[in-house]
Amino acid sequence: MPQSFRDAVVRARVHGGDDRFLAAIRDEDVCHLASTRHGGGGCVLFKSAVRGLWP
């Protein structure tokens, strides 16, 4: 099996897992967590979730 094919298969599996993980995170849950950790104030998401590097 050529290395490039294995790389593509691995990349598809990893990215597929990332996509499923991101899809499982609900905006409401993120806001609730942020609000409870910061004194119960309101929460507004200013960016959509995307796959990439974490800060």
C-alpha atoms as a PDB file:
ATOM      1  CA  MET A   1       0.000   0.000   0.000  1.00  0.00           C
ATOM      2  CA  PRO A   2       1.545   3.356  -0.989  1.00  0.00           C
ATOM      3  CA  GLN A   3       2.418   5.731   1.855  1.00  0.00           C
ATOM      4  CA  SER A   4       0.335   8.557   0.326  1.00  0.00           C
ATOM      5  CA  PHE A   5      -2.781   6.364   0.467  1.00  0.00           C
ATOM      6  CA  ARG A   6      -2.153   5.479   4.113  1.00  0.00           C
ATOM      7  CA  ASP A   7      -1.622   9.170   4.898  1.00  0.00           C
ATOM      8  CA  ALA A   8      -4.945  10.060   3.250  1.00  0.00           C
ATOM      9  CA  VAL A   9      -6.776   7.310   5.160  1.00  0.00           C
ATOM     10  CA  VAL A  10      -5.271   8.380   8.485  1.00  0.00           C
ATOM     11  CA  ARG A  11      -6.023  12.050   7.744  1.00  0.00           C
ATOM     12  CA  ALA A  12      -9.662  11.212   6.897  1.00  0.00           C
ATOM     13  CA  ARG A  13     -10.079   9.228  10.127  1.00  0.00           C
ATOM     14  CA  VAL A  14      -8.498  11.909  12.296  1.00  0.00           C
ATOM     15  CA  HIS A  15     -10.408  14.777  10.672  1.00  0.00           C
ATOM     16  CA  GLY A  16     -13.634  12.790  10.784  1.00  0.00           C
ATOM     17  CA  GLY A  17     -13.158  12.340  14.520  1.00  0.00           C
ATOM     18  CA  ASP A  18     -12.405  16.047  14.914  1.00  0.00           C
ATOM     19  CA  ASP A  19     -15.529  16.976  12.973  1.00  0.00           C
ATOM     20  CA  ARG A  20     -17.722  14.680  15.090  1.00  0.00           C
ATOM     21  CA  PHE A  21     -16.208  16.086  18.281  1.00  0.00           C
ATOM     22  CA  LEU A  22     -16.818  19.695  17.203  1.00  0.00           C
ATOM     23  CA  ALA A  23     -20.369  18.884  16.085  1.00  0.00           C
ATOM     24  CA  ALA A  24     -21.085  17.456  19.551  1.00  0.00           C
ATOM     25  CA  ILE A  25     -20.188  20.749  21.280  1.00  0.00           C
ATOM     26  CA  ARG A  26     -23.309  22.875  21.619  1.00  0.00           C
ATOM     27  CA  ASP A  27     -23.048  26.661  21.708  1.00  0.00           C
ATOM     28  CA  GLU A  28     -25.491  26.773  24.629  1.00  0.00           C
ATOM     29  CA  ASP A  29     -23.267  24.458  26.667  1.00  0.00           C
ATOM     30  CA  VAL A  30     -20.182  26.579  25.955  1.00  0.00           C
ATOM     31  CA  CYS A  31     -22.018  29.732  27.056  1.00  0.00           C
ATOM     32  CA  HIS A  32     -23.336  28.042  30.179  1.00  0.00           C
ATOM     33  CA  LEU A  33     -19.872  26.870  31.171  1.00  0.00           C
ATOM     34  CA  ALA A  34     -18.332  30.291  30.495  1.00  0.00           C
ATOM     35  CA  SER A  35     -21.095  32.020  32.415  1.00  0.00           C
ATOM     36  CA  THR A  36     -20.814  29.787  35.478  1.00  0.00           C
ATOM     37  CA  ARG A  37     -17.025  30.181  35.542  1.00  0.00           C
ATOM     38  CA  HIS A  38     -17.238  33.989  35.349  1.00  0.00           C
ATOM     39  CA  GLY A  39     -19.825  35.029  37.898  1.00  0.00           C
ATOM     40  CA  GLY A  40     -23.019  34.070  36.087  1.00  0.00           C
ATOM     41  CA  GLY A  41     -22.985  36.910  33.539  1.00  0.00           C
ATOM     42  CA  GLY A  42     -24.274  36.624  30.009  1.00  0.00           C
ATOM     43  CA  CYS A  43     -22.415  34.990  27.177  1.00  0.00           C
ATOM     44  CA  VAL A  44     -22.157  35.867  23.487  1.00  0.00           C
ATOM     45  CA  LEU A  45     -20.184  33.738  21.057  1.00  0.00           C
ATOM     46  CA  PHE A  46     -18.228  35.942  18.689  1.00  0.00           C
ATOM     47  CA  LYS A  47     -16.778  33.192  16.479  1.00  0.00           C
ATOM     48  CA  SER A  48     -18.061  29.967  15.026  1.00  0.00           C
ATOM     49  CA  ALA A  49     -16.320  26.771  16.062  1.00  0.00           C
ATOM     50  CA  VAL A  50     -13.782  25.542  13.516  1.00  0.00           C
ATOM     51  CA  ARG A  51     -11.236  22.779  13.327  1.00  0.00           C
ATOM     52  CA  GLY A  52      -7.710  24.060  13.863  1.00  0.00           C
ATOM     53  CA  LEU A  53      -5.151  24.914  16.458  1.00  0.00           C
ATOM     54  CA  TRP A  54      -6.092  25.678  20.019  1.00  0.00           C
ATOM     55  CA  PRO A  55      -4.654  28.893  21.428  1.00  0.00           C
END
